[in-house]
C-alpha atoms as a PDB file:
ATOM      1  CA  UNK A   1      42.124  23.556  89.237  1.00  0.00           C
ATOM      2  CA  UNK A   2      45.066  20.857  88.044  1.00  0.00           C
ATOM      3  CA  UNK A   3      41.839  17.672  87.629  1.00  0.00           C
ATOM      4  CA  UNK A   4      40.630  20.440  85.417  1.00  0.00           C
ATOM      5  CA  UNK A   5      43.706  21.229  83.077  1.00  0.00           C
ATOM      6  CA  UNK A   6      44.771  17.280  82.850  1.00  0.00           C
ATOM      7  CA  UNK A   7      41.436  16.598  81.749  1.00  0.00           C
ATOM      8  CA  UNK A   8      41.810  18.734  79.176  1.00  0.00           C
ATOM      9  CA  UNK A   9      44.852  17.659  77.999  1.00  0.00           C
ATOM     10  CA  UNK A  10      43.674  13.603  78.130  1.00  0.00           C
ATOM     11  CA  UNK A  11      40.831  15.288  75.864  1.00  0.00           C
ATOM     12  CA  UNK A  12      43.284  17.034  73.852  1.00  0.00           C
ATOM     13  CA  UNK A  13      45.234  14.057  73.006  1.00  0.00           C
ATOM     14  CA  UNK A  14      42.177  11.627  73.171  1.00  0.00           C
ATOM     15  CA  UNK A  15      41.199  14.305  69.691  1.00  0.00           C
ATOM     16  CA  UNK A  16      44.580  13.952  68.561  1.00  0.00           C
ATOM     17  CA  UNK A  17      45.117  10.399  68.063  1.00  0.00           C
ATOM     18  CA  UNK A  18      41.693  10.351  66.413  1.00  0.00           C
ATOM     19  CA  UNK A  19      42.944  12.300  63.911  1.00  0.00           C
ATOM     20  CA  UNK A  20      46.331  10.713  63.648  1.00  0.00           C
ATOM     21  CA  UNK A  21      44.526   7.360  63.570  1.00  0.00           C
ATOM     22  CA  UNK A  22      42.220   8.208  60.445  1.00  0.00           C
ATOM     23  CA  UNK A  23      45.293  10.338  58.688  1.00  0.00           C
ATOM     24  CA  UNK A  24      46.083   8.445  55.672  1.00  0.00           C
ATOM     25  CA  UNK A  25      48.801  11.608  55.788  1.00  0.00           C
ATOM     26  CA  UNK A  26      50.278  14.531  56.828  1.00  0.00           C
ATOM     27  CA  UNK A  27      52.137  17.614  56.198  1.00  0.00           C
ATOM     28  CA  UNK A  28      53.866  18.883  59.066  1.00  0.00           C
ATOM     29  CA  UNK A  29      54.425  22.998  59.437  1.00  0.00           C
ATOM     30  CA  UNK A  30      56.586  25.220  61.786  1.00  0.00           C
ATOM     31  CA  UNK A  31      54.269  28.532  61.894  1.00  0.00           C
ATOM     32  CA  UNK A  32      56.733  30.448  63.276  1.00  0.00           C
ATOM     33  CA  UNK A  33      56.227  34.460  62.173  1.00  0.00           C
ATOM     34  CA  UNK A  34      52.638  33.643  60.576  1.00  0.00           C
ATOM     35  CA  UNK A  35      50.372  36.148  61.335  1.00  0.00           C
ATOM     36  CA  UNK A  36      46.509  34.987  63.014  1.00  0.00           C
ATOM     37  CA  UNK A  37      44.643  36.248  59.549  1.00  0.00           C
ATOM     38  CA  UNK A  38      47.284  34.080  57.929  1.00  0.00           C
ATOM     39  CA  UNK A  39      47.098  31.288  59.581  1.00  0.00           C
ATOM     40  CA  UNK A  40      43.176  31.431  58.927  1.00  0.00           C
ATOM     41  CA  UNK A  41      43.430  31.647  55.571  1.00  0.00           C
ATOM     42  CA  UNK A  42      45.121  28.811  55.359  1.00  0.00           C
ATOM     43  CA  UNK A  43      42.873  26.809  57.524  1.00  0.00           C
ATOM     44  CA  UNK A  44      39.639  27.733  55.474  1.00  0.00           C
ATOM     45  CA  UNK A  45      41.982  26.347  52.079  1.00  0.00           C
ATOM     46  CA  UNK A  46      42.919  23.809  53.685  1.00  0.00           C
ATOM     47  CA  UNK A  47      38.894  23.179  55.108  1.00  0.00           C
ATOM     48  CA  UNK A  48      37.546  23.602  51.661  1.00  0.00           C
ATOM     49  CA  UNK A  49      40.253  20.886  50.371  1.00  0.00           C
ATOM     50  CA  UNK A  50      38.623  18.589  53.465  1.00  0.00           C
ATOM     51  CA  UNK A  51      41.839  19.104  55.522  1.00  0.00           C
ATOM     52  CA  UNK A  52      41.940  19.301  58.791  1.00  0.00           C
ATOM     53  CA  UNK A  53      45.495  21.737  60.294  1.00  0.00           C
ATOM     54  CA  UNK A  54      45.973  21.370  64.181  1.00  0.00           C
ATOM     55  CA  UNK A  55      48.780  23.587  66.465  1.00  0.00           C
ATOM     56  CA  UNK A  56      50.201  20.956  68.525  1.00  0.00           C
ATOM     57  CA  UNK A  57      51.807  20.592  71.338  1.00  0.00           C
ATOM     58  CA  UNK A  58      54.323  18.748  71.231  1.00  0.00           C
ATOM     59  CA  UNK A  59      53.911  16.758  74.312  1.00  0.00           C
ATOM     60  CA  UNK A  60      50.765  16.042  74.126  1.00  0.00           C
ATOM     61  CA  UNK A  61      51.441  15.145  70.080  1.00  0.00           C
ATOM     62  CA  UNK A  62      53.669  12.370  71.339  1.00  0.00           C
ATOM     63  CA  UNK A  63      51.887  10.853  72.951  1.00  0.00           C
ATOM     64  CA  UNK A  64      49.153  10.952  71.009  1.00  0.00           C
ATOM     65  CA  UNK A  65      51.742   9.101  68.283  1.00  0.00           C
ATOM     66  CA  UNK A  66      52.206   6.560  70.962  1.00  0.00           C
ATOM     67  CA  UNK A  67      48.292   5.710  71.218  1.00  0.00           C
ATOM     68  CA  UNK A  68      48.232   5.191  67.525  1.00  0.00           C
ATOM     69  CA  UNK A  69      50.471   3.419  65.079  1.00  0.00           C
ATOM     70  CA  UNK A  70      52.808   6.213  64.091  1.00  0.00           C
ATOM     71  CA  UNK A  71      54.829   6.131  66.906  1.00  0.00           C
ATOM     72  CA  UNK A  72      57.950   6.641  64.156  1.00  0.00           C
ATOM     73  CA  UNK A  73      56.165  10.655  64.070  1.00  0.00           C
ATOM     74  CA  UNK A  74      57.466  11.481  67.264  1.00  0.00           C
ATOM     75  CA  UNK A  75      60.713  12.766  65.974  1.00  0.00           C
ATOM     76  CA  UNK A  76      58.157  15.572  63.834  1.00  0.00           C
ATOM     77  CA  UNK A  77      57.267  16.781  66.775  1.00  0.00           C
ATOM     78  CA  UNK A  78      60.022  19.255  67.262  1.00  0.00           C
ATOM     79  CA  UNK A  79      59.718  23.029  67.807  1.00  0.00           C
ATOM     80  CA  UNK A  80      56.436  25.079  67.349  1.00  0.00           C
ATOM     81  CA  UNK A  81      54.633  22.140  65.076  1.00  0.00           C
ATOM     82  CA  UNK A  82      51.370  22.513  62.706  1.00  0.00           C
ATOM     83  CA  UNK A  83      49.620  19.991  61.033  1.00  0.00           C
ATOM     84  CA  UNK A  84      47.476  19.166  57.953  1.00  0.00           C
ATOM     85  CA  UNK A  85      46.007  16.548  58.097  1.00  0.00           C
ATOM     86  CA  UNK A  86      43.519  14.355  55.398  1.00  0.00           C
ATOM     87  CA  UNK A  87      42.081  11.084  56.113  1.00  0.00           C
ATOM     88  CA  UNK A  88      40.315  10.987  52.012  1.00  0.00           C
ATOM     89  CA  UNK A  89      42.692  12.013  49.752  1.00  0.00           C
ATOM     90  CA  UNK A  90      46.527  11.386  50.258  1.00  0.00           C
ATOM     91  CA  UNK A  91      47.507  14.653  48.464  1.00  0.00           C
ATOM     92  CA  UNK A  92      45.484  16.608  49.554  1.00  0.00           C
ATOM     93  CA  UNK A  93      47.481  18.345  52.320  1.00  0.00           C
ATOM     94  CA  UNK A  94      50.295  18.810  50.590  1.00  0.00           C
ATOM     95  CA  UNK A  95      49.330  20.243  47.267  1.00  0.00           C
ATOM     96  CA  UNK A  96      47.021  22.435  49.279  1.00  0.00           C
ATOM     97  CA  UNK A  97      50.041  23.758  51.263  1.00  0.00           C
ATOM     98  CA  UNK A  98      52.919  24.139  48.804  1.00  0.00           C
ATOM     99  CA  UNK A  99      50.154  25.800  46.011  1.00  0.00           C
ATOM    100  CA  UNK A 100      49.314  28.398  48.847  1.00  0.00           C
ATOM    101  CA  UNK A 101      53.114  29.609  49.493  1.00  0.00           C
ATOM    102  CA  UNK A 102      53.684  28.783  45.954  1.00  0.00           C
ATOM    103  CA  UNK A 103      51.285  32.281  45.912  1.00  0.00           C
ATOM    104  CA  UNK A 104      51.767  34.249  48.688  1.00  0.00           C
ATOM    105  CA  UNK A 105      54.961  35.441  50.417  1.00  0.00           C
ATOM    106  CA  UNK A 106      54.313  33.478  54.224  1.00  0.00           C
ATOM    107  CA  UNK A 107      56.853  32.537  56.161  1.00  0.00           C
ATOM    108  CA  UNK A 108      54.765  29.834  56.996  1.00  0.00           C
ATOM    109  CA  UNK A 109      57.511  26.482  56.597  1.00  0.00           C
ATOM    110  CA  UNK A 110      56.808  22.709  55.799  1.00  0.00           C
ATOM    111  CA  UNK A 111      59.280  20.411  57.873  1.00  0.00           C
ATOM    112  CA  UNK A 112      58.523  17.975  56.320  1.00  0.00           C
ATOM    113  CA  UNK A 113      55.333  15.125  56.096  1.00  0.00           C
ATOM    114  CA  UNK A 114      54.127  10.994  56.877  1.00  0.00           C
ATOM    115  CA  UNK A 115      52.894   8.579  54.348  1.00  0.00           C
ATOM    116  CA  UNK A 116      52.190   5.288  54.960  1.00  0.00           C
ATOM    117  CA  UNK A 117      53.590   4.313  58.277  1.00  0.00           C
ATOM    118  CA  UNK A 118      57.491   6.579  57.229  1.00  0.00           C
ATOM    119  CA  UNK A 119      58.069  10.501  58.040  1.00  0.00           C
ATOM    120  CA  UNK A 120      59.111  11.878  54.567  1.00  0.00           C
ATOM    121  CA  UNK A 121      60.923  14.648  53.760  1.00  0.00           C
ATOM    122  CA  UNK A 122      60.476  18.723  52.568  1.00  0.00           C
ATOM    123  CA  UNK A 123      61.557  17.256  48.855  1.00  0.00           C
ATOM    124  CA  UNK A 124      58.969  14.326  49.158  1.00  0.00           C
ATOM    125  CA  UNK A 125      56.254  16.853  50.093  1.00  0.00           C
ATOM    126  CA  UNK A 126      56.589  18.550  47.415  1.00  0.00           C
ATOM    127  CA  UNK A 127      56.732  15.995  44.781  1.00  0.00           C
ATOM    128  CA  UNK A 128      53.981  14.705  46.434  1.00  0.00           C
ATOM    129  CA  UNK A 129      52.103  17.806  45.588  1.00  0.00           C
ATOM    130  CA  UNK A 130      52.813  17.252  42.019  1.00  0.00           C
ATOM    131  CA  UNK A 131      51.179  14.746  41.843  1.00  0.00           C
ATOM    132  CA  UNK A 132      47.317  14.255  40.527  1.00  0.00           C
ATOM    133  CA  UNK A 133      44.027  14.091  42.392  1.00  0.00           C
ATOM    134  CA  UNK A 134      42.725  10.407  43.305  1.00  0.00           C
ATOM    135  CA  UNK A 135      39.992  10.726  40.456  1.00  0.00           C
ATOM    136  CA  UNK A 136      42.409  11.920  37.900  1.00  0.00           C
ATOM    137  CA  UNK A 137      44.679   9.248  38.395  1.00  0.00           C
ATOM    138  CA  UNK A 138      42.232   6.411  38.386  1.00  0.00           C
ATOM    139  CA  UNK A 139      40.815   8.032  35.473  1.00  0.00           C
ATOM    140  CA  UNK A 140      43.891   7.286  33.660  1.00  0.00           C
ATOM    141  CA  UNK A 141      43.862   3.960  34.424  1.00  0.00           C
ATOM    142  CA  UNK A 142      40.587   3.550  33.808  1.00  0.00           C
ATOM    143  CA  UNK A 143      41.643   5.339  29.756  1.00  0.00           C
ATOM    144  CA  UNK A 144      44.742   3.743  29.740  1.00  0.00           C
ATOM    145  CA  UNK A 145      42.162  -0.271  29.949  1.00  0.00           C
ATOM    146  CA  UNK A 146      39.872   1.222  27.557  1.00  0.00           C
ATOM    147  CA  UNK A 147      42.085   2.352  24.936  1.00  0.00           C
ATOM    148  CA  UNK A 148      43.090  -1.416  24.269  1.00  0.00           C
ATOM    149  CA  UNK A 149      40.076  -2.600  24.068  1.00  0.00           C
ATOM    150  CA  UNK A 150      38.300   0.072  21.800  1.00  0.00           C
ATOM    151  CA  UNK A 151      41.341  -0.828  19.453  1.00  0.00           C
ATOM    152  CA  UNK A 152      40.540  -4.789  19.725  1.00  0.00           C
ATOM    153  CA  UNK A 153      37.280  -4.121  19.011  1.00  0.00           C
ATOM    154  CA  UNK A 154      38.552  -1.878  15.474  1.00  0.00           C
ATOM    155  CA  UNK A 155      40.536  -4.952  14.584  1.00  0.00           C
ATOM    156  CA  UNK A 156      38.040  -7.311  15.160  1.00  0.00           C
ATOM    157  CA  UNK A 157      34.752  -5.012  13.134  1.00  0.00           C
ATOM    158  CA  UNK A 158      37.010  -4.366  10.473  1.00  0.00           C
ATOM    159  CA  UNK A 159      36.789  -7.718   8.629  1.00  0.00           C
ATOM    160  CA  UNK A 160      33.307  -7.469   8.796  1.00  0.00           C
ATOM    161  CA  UNK A 161      32.982  -4.114   7.716  1.00  0.00           C
ATOM    162  CA  UNK A 162      35.106  -4.867   4.746  1.00  0.00           C
ATOM    163  CA  UNK A 163      33.421  -7.751   3.890  1.00  0.00           C
ATOM    164  CA  UNK A 164      29.755  -5.911   4.194  1.00  0.00           C
ATOM    165  CA  UNK A 165      30.768  -3.096   1.970  1.00  0.00           C
ATOM    166  CA  UNK A 166      32.113  -5.543  -1.018  1.00  0.00           C
ATOM    167  CA  UNK A 167      28.471  -7.189  -0.572  1.00  0.00           C
ATOM    168  CA  UNK A 168      27.131  -3.537  -1.016  1.00  0.00           C
ATOM    169  CA  UNK A 169      29.372  -2.335  -4.040  1.00  0.00           C
ATOM    170  CA  UNK A 170      28.216  -6.165  -5.568  1.00  0.00           C
ATOM    171  CA  UNK A 171      24.720  -5.660  -5.076  1.00  0.00           C
ATOM    172  CA  UNK A 172      25.492  -2.312  -6.742  1.00  0.00           C
ATOM    173  CA  UNK A 173      26.880  -3.646  -9.926  1.00  0.00           C
ATOM    174  CA  UNK A 174      23.996  -6.278 -10.608  1.00  0.00           C
ATOM    175  CA  UNK A 175      21.132  -3.581 -10.165  1.00  0.00           C
ATOM    176  CA  UNK A 176      22.689  -1.201 -12.462  1.00  0.00           C
END
């Protein structure tokens, strides 16, 4: 019996270690007072955005953090904690949770987050949620890079166009 429980805990630590190892960002929440149906709704919204959500046992979460390079997040595992995490989009966990909190009367509380190997505050999580997605940022950078090139092409093309217009006008003048 005890051996089975230890084996289940080891599996839980291994799964959480894997989740922490690939997580680029995470948002920690206090889920006290949340109904099962509301928690399910939150999980569905997070899953649609490619974000994982786990309710954590603090002792097991601390052991998992010790197994990864995220040892500085152990202090976040106090009280009832659940973690929304993403391995692909840094902003997604914060954005989905903050959008959900803004649109509902949920008692879910964001207690902090994790980004770039450091803990972040609730205010920083809110700021992170306001950032546009990675794709939008990339398109803005590319548009910013394209604009000067297009302007340069117009400037370089201007004299040639002017010369063509003058030559065409002179041809019309000689014909008529």
